[in-house]
PDB file of N, CA and C in Angstrom:
ATOM      1  N   MET A   1     -37.129  30.669  29.768  1.00  0.00           N
ATOM      2  CA  MET A   1     -37.575  29.972  28.576  1.00  0.00           C
ATOM      3  C   MET A   1     -37.199  30.752  27.318  1.00  0.00           C
ATOM      4  N   ALA A   2     -37.382  32.059  27.342  1.00  0.00           N
ATOM      5  CA  ALA A   2     -37.055  32.871  26.170  1.00  0.00           C
ATOM      6  C   ALA A   2     -35.570  32.791  25.844  1.00  0.00           C
ATOM      7  N   THR A   3     -34.723  32.751  26.859  1.00  0.00           N
ATOM      8  CA  THR A   3     -33.279  32.644  26.641  1.00  0.00           C
ATOM      9  C   THR A   3     -32.937  31.312  25.994  1.00  0.00           C
ATOM     10  N   LEU A   4     -33.558  30.248  26.460  1.00  0.00           N
ATOM     11  CA  LEU A   4     -33.314  28.925  25.897  1.00  0.00           C
ATOM     12  C   LEU A   4     -33.697  28.907  24.419  1.00  0.00           C
ATOM     13  N   GLU A   5     -34.850  29.442  24.085  1.00  0.00           N
ATOM     14  CA  GLU A   5     -35.292  29.471  22.692  1.00  0.00           C
ATOM     15  C   GLU A   5     -34.355  30.329  21.847  1.00  0.00           C
ATOM     16  N   ARG A   6     -33.943  31.461  22.356  1.00  0.00           N
ATOM     17  CA  ARG A   6     -33.059  32.351  21.616  1.00  0.00           C
ATOM     18  C   ARG A   6     -31.716  31.664  21.351  1.00  0.00           C
ATOM     19  N   ASP A   7     -31.176  30.967  22.351  1.00  0.00           N
ATOM     20  CA  ASP A   7     -29.905  30.267  22.180  1.00  0.00           C
ATOM     21  C   ASP A   7     -30.027  29.112  21.197  1.00  0.00           C
ATOM     22  N   ALA A   8     -31.154  28.428  21.201  1.00  0.00           N
ATOM     23  CA  ALA A   8     -31.342  27.280  20.314  1.00  0.00           C
ATOM     24  C   ALA A   8     -31.446  27.708  18.851  1.00  0.00           C
ATOM     25  N   PHE A   9     -31.888  28.913  18.593  1.00  0.00           N
ATOM     26  CA  PHE A   9     -32.106  29.366  17.226  1.00  0.00           C
ATOM     27  C   PHE A   9     -31.232  30.551  16.835  1.00  0.00           C
ATOM     28  N   ARG A  10     -30.067  30.664  17.436  1.00  0.00           N
ATOM     29  CA  ARG A  10     -29.200  31.800  17.119  1.00  0.00           C
ATOM     30  C   ARG A  10     -28.579  31.618  15.737  1.00  0.00           C
ATOM     31  N   PHE A  11     -28.321  32.709  15.110  1.00  0.00           N
ATOM     32  CA  PHE A  11     -27.664  32.690  13.810  1.00  0.00           C
ATOM     33  C   PHE A  11     -26.159  32.560  14.002  1.00  0.00           C
ATOM     34  N   PRO A  12     -25.488  31.864  13.078  1.00  0.00           N
ATOM     35  CA  PRO A  12     -24.028  31.734  13.215  1.00  0.00           C
ATOM     36  C   PRO A  12     -23.347  33.082  13.001  1.00  0.00           C
ATOM     37  N   THR A  13     -22.214  33.242  13.647  1.00  0.00           N
ATOM     38  CA  THR A  13     -21.432  34.464  13.461  1.00  0.00           C
ATOM     39  C   THR A  13     -20.711  34.392  12.116  1.00  0.00           C
ATOM     40  N   GLN A  14     -20.209  35.508  11.669  1.00  0.00           N
ATOM     41  CA  GLN A  14     -19.456  35.527  10.413  1.00  0.00           C
ATOM     42  C   GLN A  14     -18.215  34.644  10.519  1.00  0.00           C
ATOM     43  N   GLN A  15     -17.603  34.636  11.689  1.00  0.00           N
ATOM     44  CA  GLN A  15     -16.425  33.790  11.899  1.00  0.00           C
ATOM     45  C   GLN A  15     -16.786  32.307  11.762  1.00  0.00           C
ATOM     46  N   GLU A  16     -17.929  31.907  12.300  1.00  0.00           N
ATOM     47  CA  GLU A  16     -18.371  30.510  12.175  1.00  0.00           C
ATOM     48  C   GLU A  16     -18.684  30.158  10.724  1.00  0.00           C
ATOM     49  N   ILE A  17     -19.290  31.078  10.016  1.00  0.00           N
ATOM     50  CA  ILE A  17     -19.588  30.860   8.595  1.00  0.00           C
ATOM     51  C   ILE A  17     -18.297  30.714   7.805  1.00  0.00           C
ATOM     52  N   ASP A  18     -17.344  31.592   8.067  1.00  0.00           N
ATOM     53  CA  ASP A  18     -16.052  31.531   7.370  1.00  0.00           C
ATOM     54  C   ASP A  18     -15.324  30.224   7.661  1.00  0.00           C
ATOM     55  N   GLU A  19     -15.366  29.778   8.904  1.00  0.00           N
ATOM     56  CA  GLU A  19     -14.706  28.525   9.290  1.00  0.00           C
ATOM     57  C   GLU A  19     -15.351  27.332   8.584  1.00  0.00           C
ATOM     58  N   GLU A  20     -16.662  27.312   8.532  1.00  0.00           N
ATOM     59  CA  GLU A  20     -17.341  26.212   7.839  1.00  0.00           C
ATOM     60  C   GLU A  20     -17.029  26.242   6.346  1.00  0.00           C
ATOM     61  N   SER A  21     -16.993  27.413   5.764  1.00  0.00           N
ATOM     62  CA  SER A  21     -16.642  27.537   4.343  1.00  0.00           C
ATOM     63  C   SER A  21     -15.234  27.015   4.083  1.00  0.00           C
ATOM     64  N   ARG A  22     -14.319  27.301   4.985  1.00  0.00           N
ATOM     65  CA  ARG A  22     -12.946  26.815   4.854  1.00  0.00           C
ATOM     66  C   ARG A  22     -12.910  25.289   4.916  1.00  0.00           C
ATOM     67  N   ARG A  23     -13.653  24.713   5.858  1.00  0.00           N
ATOM     68  CA  ARG A  23     -13.682  23.251   5.973  1.00  0.00           C
ATOM     69  C   ARG A  23     -14.321  22.607   4.749  1.00  0.00           C
ATOM     70  N   ILE A  24     -15.344  23.232   4.194  1.00  0.00           N
ATOM     71  CA  ILE A  24     -15.976  22.714   2.974  1.00  0.00           C
ATOM     72  C   ILE A  24     -14.983  22.733   1.821  1.00  0.00           C
ATOM     73  N   ARG A  25     -14.247  23.826   1.674  1.00  0.00           N
ATOM     74  CA  ARG A  25     -13.239  23.908   0.601  1.00  0.00           C
ATOM     75  C   ARG A  25     -12.174  22.833   0.762  1.00  0.00           C
ATOM     76  N   ARG A  26     -11.727  22.617   1.985  1.00  0.00           N
ATOM     77  CA  ARG A  26     -10.711  21.575   2.235  1.00  0.00           C
ATOM     78  C   ARG A  26     -11.242  20.199   1.854  1.00  0.00           C
ATOM     79  N   LEU A  27     -12.486  19.909   2.226  1.00  0.00           N
ATOM     80  CA  LEU A  27     -13.071  18.613   1.896  1.00  0.00           C
ATOM     81  C   LEU A  27     -13.227  18.451   0.391  1.00  0.00           C
ATOM     82  N   ARG A  28     -13.718  19.477  -0.277  1.00  0.00           N
ATOM     83  CA  ARG A  28     -13.872  19.397  -1.740  1.00  0.00           C
ATOM     84  C   ARG A  28     -12.536  19.167  -2.427  1.00  0.00           C
ATOM     85  N   LEU A  29     -11.510  19.862  -1.970  1.00  0.00           N
ATOM     86  CA  LEU A  29     -10.178  19.680  -2.542  1.00  0.00           C
ATOM     87  C   LEU A  29      -9.682  18.254  -2.314  1.00  0.00           C
ATOM     88  N   ALA A  30      -9.869  17.740  -1.106  1.00  0.00           N
ATOM     89  CA  ALA A  30      -9.443  16.372  -0.800  1.00  0.00           C
ATOM     90  C   ALA A  30     -10.193  15.357  -1.659  1.00  0.00           C
ATOM     91  N   VAL A  31     -11.493  15.569  -1.849  1.00  0.00           N
ATOM     92  CA  VAL A  31     -12.291  14.658  -2.679  1.00  0.00           C
ATOM     93  C   VAL A  31     -11.808  14.705  -4.121  1.00  0.00           C
ATOM     94  N   GLU A  32     -11.638  15.897  -4.664  1.00  0.00           N
ATOM     95  CA  GLU A  32     -11.193  16.013  -6.056  1.00  0.00           C
ATOM     96  C   GLU A  32      -9.809  15.407  -6.257  1.00  0.00           C
ATOM     97  N   LEU A  33      -8.925  15.608  -5.304  1.00  0.00           N
ATOM     98  CA  LEU A  33      -7.591  15.020  -5.392  1.00  0.00           C
ATOM     99  C   LEU A  33      -7.675  13.495  -5.357  1.00  0.00           C
ATOM    100  N   ALA A  34      -8.457  12.960  -4.434  1.00  0.00           N
ATOM    101  CA  ALA A  34      -8.606  11.503  -4.334  1.00  0.00           C
ATOM    102  C   ALA A  34      -9.221  10.930  -5.608  1.00  0.00           C
ATOM    103  N   LEU A  35     -10.233  11.595  -6.148  1.00  0.00           N
ATOM    104  CA  LEU A  35     -10.855  11.117  -7.383  1.00  0.00           C
ATOM    105  C   LEU A  35      -9.858  11.134  -8.536  1.00  0.00           C
ATOM    106  N   SER A  36      -9.029  12.149  -8.593  1.00  0.00           N
ATOM    107  CA  SER A  36      -8.016  12.233  -9.653  1.00  0.00           C
ATOM    108  C   SER A  36      -6.995  11.108  -9.534  1.00  0.00           C
ATOM    109  N   VAL A  37      -6.564  10.846  -8.324  1.00  0.00           N
ATOM    110  CA  VAL A  37      -5.581   9.774  -8.105  1.00  0.00           C
ATOM    111  C   VAL A  37      -6.192   8.421  -8.471  1.00  0.00           C
ATOM    112  N   ILE A  38      -7.420   8.183  -8.062  1.00  0.00           N
ATOM    113  CA  ILE A  38      -8.082   6.916  -8.394  1.00  0.00           C
ATOM    114  C   ILE A  38      -8.282   6.803  -9.899  1.00  0.00           C
ATOM    115  N   ALA A  39      -8.716   7.891 -10.538  1.00  0.00           N
ATOM    116  CA  ALA A  39      -8.975   7.872 -11.980  1.00  0.00           C
ATOM    117  C   ALA A  39      -7.717   7.588 -12.788  1.00  0.00           C
ATOM    118  N   ALA A  40      -6.563   7.952 -12.265  1.00  0.00           N
ATOM    119  CA  ALA A  40      -5.312   7.691 -12.980  1.00  0.00           C
ATOM    120  C   ALA A  40      -5.075   6.194 -13.146  1.00  0.00           C
ATOM    121  N   GLY A  41      -5.676   5.388 -12.280  1.00  0.00           N
ATOM    122  CA  GLY A  41      -5.607   3.944 -12.416  1.00  0.00           C
ATOM    123  C   GLY A  41      -4.287   3.310 -12.025  1.00  0.00           C
ATOM    124  N   GLU A  42      -3.442   4.041 -11.344  1.00  0.00           N
ATOM    125  CA  GLU A  42      -2.130   3.505 -10.978  1.00  0.00           C
ATOM    126  C   GLU A  42      -2.106   2.879  -9.587  1.00  0.00           C
ATOM    127  N   LEU A  43      -3.198   2.982  -8.856  1.00  0.00           N
ATOM    128  CA  LEU A  43      -3.283   2.362  -7.535  1.00  0.00           C
ATOM    129  C   LEU A  43      -3.792   0.933  -7.670  1.00  0.00           C
ATOM    130  N   THR A  44      -3.434   0.108  -6.704  1.00  0.00           N
ATOM    131  CA  THR A  44      -4.074  -1.201  -6.646  1.00  0.00           C
ATOM    132  C   THR A  44      -5.512  -0.982  -6.186  1.00  0.00           C
ATOM    133  N   PHE A  45      -6.347  -1.980  -6.398  1.00  0.00           N
ATOM    134  CA  PHE A  45      -7.729  -1.883  -5.943  1.00  0.00           C
ATOM    135  C   PHE A  45      -7.768  -1.616  -4.437  1.00  0.00           C
ATOM    136  N   GLN A  46      -6.951  -2.331  -3.680  1.00  0.00           N
ATOM    137  CA  GLN A  46      -6.930  -2.157  -2.222  1.00  0.00           C
ATOM    138  C   GLN A  46      -6.479  -0.754  -1.837  1.00  0.00           C
ATOM    139  N   ASP A  47      -5.496  -0.216  -2.545  1.00  0.00           N
ATOM    140  CA  ASP A  47      -5.040   1.149  -2.258  1.00  0.00           C
ATOM    141  C   ASP A  47      -6.147   2.162  -2.544  1.00  0.00           C
ATOM    142  N   ALA A  48      -6.909   1.939  -3.605  1.00  0.00           N
ATOM    143  CA  ALA A  48      -8.028   2.833  -3.922  1.00  0.00           C
ATOM    144  C   ALA A  48      -9.084   2.766  -2.818  1.00  0.00           C
ATOM    145  N   GLN A  49      -9.357   1.560  -2.333  1.00  0.00           N
ATOM    146  CA  GLN A  49     -10.315   1.400  -1.233  1.00  0.00           C
ATOM    147  C   GLN A  49      -9.800   2.095   0.031  1.00  0.00           C
ATOM    148  N   ASP A  50      -8.513   1.938   0.300  1.00  0.00           N
ATOM    149  CA  ASP A  50      -7.917   2.585   1.475  1.00  0.00           C
ATOM    150  C   ASP A  50      -7.979   4.107   1.361  1.00  0.00           C
ATOM    151  N   LEU A  51      -7.750   4.620   0.162  1.00  0.00           N
ATOM    152  CA  LEU A  51      -7.837   6.061  -0.063  1.00  0.00           C
ATOM    153  C   LEU A  51      -9.257   6.556   0.203  1.00  0.00           C
ATOM    154  N   ALA A  52     -10.245   5.805  -0.266  1.00  0.00           N
ATOM    155  CA  ALA A  52     -11.643   6.172  -0.029  1.00  0.00           C
ATOM    156  C   ALA A  52     -11.966   6.160   1.466  1.00  0.00           C
ATOM    157  N   SER A  53     -11.474   5.162   2.176  1.00  0.00           N
ATOM    158  CA  SER A  53     -11.708   5.095   3.625  1.00  0.00           C
ATOM    159  C   SER A  53     -11.028   6.253   4.347  1.00  0.00           C
ATOM    160  N   GLY A  54      -9.816   6.564   3.919  1.00  0.00           N
ATOM    161  CA  GLY A  54      -9.100   7.688   4.516  1.00  0.00           C
ATOM    162  C   GLY A  54      -9.803   9.005   4.262  1.00  0.00           C
ATOM    163  N   LEU A  55     -10.379   9.136   3.086  1.00  0.00           N
ATOM    164  CA  LEU A  55     -11.115  10.350   2.746  1.00  0.00           C
ATOM    165  C   LEU A  55     -12.333  10.511   3.650  1.00  0.00           C
ATOM    166  N   ARG A  56     -13.001   9.420   3.937  1.00  0.00           N
ATOM    167  CA  ARG A  56     -14.151   9.488   4.841  1.00  0.00           C
ATOM    168  C   ARG A  56     -13.693   9.918   6.241  1.00  0.00           C
ATOM    169  N   ARG A  57     -12.548   9.415   6.686  1.00  0.00           N
ATOM    170  CA  ARG A  57     -12.018   9.824   7.997  1.00  0.00           C
ATOM    171  C   ARG A  57     -11.711  11.323   8.017  1.00  0.00           C
ATOM    172  N   VAL A  58     -11.153  11.827   6.926  1.00  0.00           N
ATOM    173  CA  VAL A  58     -10.883  13.269   6.827  1.00  0.00           C
ATOM    174  C   VAL A  58     -12.190  14.045   6.938  1.00  0.00           C
ATOM    175  N   ALA A  59     -13.211  13.583   6.229  1.00  0.00           N
ATOM    176  CA  ALA A  59     -14.512  14.258   6.275  1.00  0.00           C
ATOM    177  C   ALA A  59     -15.064  14.278   7.698  1.00  0.00           C
ATOM    178  N   LEU A  60     -14.901  13.167   8.409  1.00  0.00           N
ATOM    179  CA  LEU A  60     -15.406  13.117   9.784  1.00  0.00           C
ATOM    180  C   LEU A  60     -14.600  13.999  10.727  1.00  0.00           C
ATOM    181  N   GLN A  61     -13.321  14.179  10.436  1.00  0.00           N
ATOM    182  CA  GLN A  61     -12.528  15.104  11.250  1.00  0.00           C
ATOM    183  C   GLN A  61     -12.985  16.539  11.021  1.00  0.00           C
ATOM    184  N   LEU A  62     -13.299  16.857   9.778  1.00  0.00           N
ATOM    185  CA  LEU A  62     -13.744  18.210   9.457  1.00  0.00           C
ATOM    186  C   LEU A  62     -15.185  18.457   9.897  1.00  0.00           C
ATOM    187  N   PHE A  63     -16.019  17.421   9.777  1.00  0.00           N
ATOM    188  CA  PHE A  63     -17.447  17.531  10.093  1.00  0.00           C
ATOM    189  C   PHE A  63     -17.882  16.331  10.940  1.00  0.00           C
ATOM    190  N   PRO A  64     -17.565  16.354  12.232  1.00  0.00           N
ATOM    191  CA  PRO A  64     -17.963  15.238  13.099  1.00  0.00           C
ATOM    192  C   PRO A  64     -19.483  15.019  13.050  1.00  0.00           C
ATOM    193  N   ASP A  65     -19.876  13.788  13.155  1.00  0.00           N
ATOM    194  CA  ASP A  65     -21.300  13.398  13.157  1.00  0.00           C
ATOM    195  C   ASP A  65     -21.994  13.644  11.821  1.00  0.00           C
ATOM    196  N   LYS A  66     -21.244  13.822  10.750  1.00  0.00           N
ATOM    197  CA  LYS A  66     -21.853  14.035   9.434  1.00  0.00           C
ATOM    198  C   LYS A  66     -21.445  12.940   8.447  1.00  0.00           C
ATOM    199  N   GLY A  67     -21.117  11.769   8.970  1.00  0.00           N
ATOM    200  CA  GLY A  67     -20.725  10.662   8.104  1.00  0.00           C
ATOM    201  C   GLY A  67     -21.817  10.273   7.134  1.00  0.00           C
ATOM    202  N   ASN A  68     -23.073  10.387   7.567  1.00  0.00           N
ATOM    203  CA  ASN A  68     -24.180  10.046   6.678  1.00  0.00           C
ATOM    204  C   ASN A  68     -24.252  10.994   5.483  1.00  0.00           C
ATOM    205  N   VAL A  69     -23.899  12.234   5.674  1.00  0.00           N
ATOM    206  CA  VAL A  69     -23.895  13.199   4.570  1.00  0.00           C
ATOM    207  C   VAL A  69     -22.793  12.830   3.575  1.00  0.00           C
ATOM    208  N   PHE A  70     -21.621  12.469   4.077  1.00  0.00           N
ATOM    209  CA  PHE A  70     -20.537  12.016   3.204  1.00  0.00           C
ATOM    210  C   PHE A  70     -20.996  10.793   2.415  1.00  0.00           C
ATOM    211  N   ASP A  71     -21.659   9.862   3.101  1.00  0.00           N
ATOM    212  CA  ASP A  71     -22.119   8.635   2.451  1.00  0.00           C
ATOM    213  C   ASP A  71     -23.149   8.912   1.359  1.00  0.00           C
ATOM    214  N   LEU A  72     -23.936   9.949   1.525  1.00  0.00           N
ATOM    215  CA  LEU A  72     -24.943  10.301   0.519  1.00  0.00           C
ATOM    216  C   LEU A  72     -24.358  11.077  -0.658  1.00  0.00           C
ATOM    217  N   ILE A  73     -23.415  11.963  -0.381  1.00  0.00           N
ATOM    218  CA  ILE A  73     -22.922  12.865  -1.421  1.00  0.00           C
ATOM    219  C   ILE A  73     -21.693  12.324  -2.135  1.00  0.00           C
ATOM    220  N   TYR A  74     -20.697  11.915  -1.381  1.00  0.00           N
ATOM    221  CA  TYR A  74     -19.408  11.572  -1.995  1.00  0.00           C
ATOM    222  C   TYR A  74     -19.186  10.080  -2.212  1.00  0.00           C
ATOM    223  N   ALA A  75     -19.650   9.238  -1.309  1.00  0.00           N
ATOM    224  CA  ALA A  75     -19.384   7.799  -1.420  1.00  0.00           C
ATOM    225  C   ALA A  75     -19.872   7.210  -2.746  1.00  0.00           C
ATOM    226  N   PRO A  76     -21.063   7.568  -3.239  1.00  0.00           N
ATOM    227  CA  PRO A  76     -21.486   6.999  -4.529  1.00  0.00           C
ATOM    228  C   PRO A  76     -20.550   7.380  -5.682  1.00  0.00           C
ATOM    229  N   ARG A  77     -20.060   8.611  -5.696  1.00  0.00           N
ATOM    230  CA  ARG A  77     -19.116   9.029  -6.747  1.00  0.00           C
ATOM    231  C   ARG A  77     -17.835   8.216  -6.675  1.00  0.00           C
ATOM    232  N   ILE A  78     -17.349   8.020  -5.463  1.00  0.00           N
ATOM    233  CA  ILE A  78     -16.106   7.271  -5.278  1.00  0.00           C
ATOM    234  C   ILE A  78     -16.302   5.815  -5.689  1.00  0.00           C
ATOM    235  N   ARG A  79     -17.400   5.199  -5.235  1.00  0.00           N
ATOM    236  CA  ARG A  79     -17.679   3.802  -5.605  1.00  0.00           C
ATOM    237  C   ARG A  79     -17.816   3.646  -7.108  1.00  0.00           C
ATOM    238  N   ARG A  80     -18.532   4.569  -7.738  1.00  0.00           N
ATOM    239  CA  ARG A  80     -18.739   4.506  -9.188  1.00  0.00           C
ATOM    240  C   ARG A  80     -17.401   4.596  -9.917  1.00  0.00           C
ATOM    241  N   LEU A  81     -16.546   5.507  -9.506  1.00  0.00           N
ATOM    242  CA  LEU A  81     -15.248   5.656 -10.153  1.00  0.00           C
ATOM    243  C   LEU A  81     -14.383   4.417  -9.944  1.00  0.00           C
ATOM    244  N   ILE A  82     -14.348   3.893  -8.736  1.00  0.00           N
ATOM    245  CA  ILE A  82     -13.571   2.674  -8.479  1.00  0.00           C
ATOM    246  C   ILE A  82     -14.112   1.533  -9.336  1.00  0.00           C
ATOM    247  N   GLY A  83     -15.420   1.444  -9.447  1.00  0.00           N
ATOM    248  CA  GLY A  83     -16.024   0.410 -10.292  1.00  0.00           C
ATOM    249  C   GLY A  83     -15.618   0.539 -11.748  1.00  0.00           C
ATOM    250  N   GLU A  84     -15.571   1.767 -12.246  1.00  0.00           N
ATOM    251  CA  GLU A  84     -15.174   1.998 -13.640  1.00  0.00           C
ATOM    252  C   GLU A  84     -13.693   1.705 -13.859  1.00  0.00           C
ATOM    253  N   VAL A  85     -12.859   2.202 -12.976  1.00  0.00           N
ATOM    254  CA  VAL A  85     -11.410   2.054 -13.146  1.00  0.00           C
ATOM    255  C   VAL A  85     -10.989   0.595 -13.010  1.00  0.00           C
ATOM    256  N   TYR A  86     -11.596  -0.115 -12.074  1.00  0.00           N
ATOM    257  CA  TYR A  86     -11.196  -1.499 -11.817  1.00  0.00           C
ATOM    258  C   TYR A  86     -12.161  -2.503 -12.439  1.00  0.00           C
ATOM    259  N   ARG A  87     -13.030  -2.016 -13.315  1.00  0.00           N
ATOM    260  CA  ARG A  87     -13.965  -2.831 -14.093  1.00  0.00           C
ATOM    261  C   ARG A  87     -14.736  -3.827 -13.225  1.00  0.00           C
ATOM    262  N   LEU A  88     -15.415  -3.292 -12.241  1.00  0.00           N
ATOM    263  CA  LEU A  88     -16.165  -4.138 -11.314  1.00  0.00           C
ATOM    264  C   LEU A  88     -17.606  -4.357 -11.748  1.00  0.00           C
ATOM    265  N   HIS A  89     -18.038  -3.705 -12.808  1.00  0.00           N
ATOM    266  CA  HIS A  89     -19.442  -3.836 -13.242  1.00  0.00           C
ATOM    267  C   HIS A  89     -19.577  -4.877 -14.308  1.00  0.00           C
TER     268      HIS A  89
END
């Protein structure tokens, strides 16, 4: 029982922390790049939607089972920007 509890609550190694930090940086860069491309207004509405969907797929590749976190943090920013650029409000 003690082994099970210890394994369930182990602290991440420095290598695991570094790997997660790298994945976070990659996701942030991808989000900022996508937002910049959408903000330029040169994409069709459908292309902007496709870019947003592709960005979510990238997030899920980097962080499997965390789609809800992407939907809470990044999706509203993307929707708001698409709404502003394509005058959907």
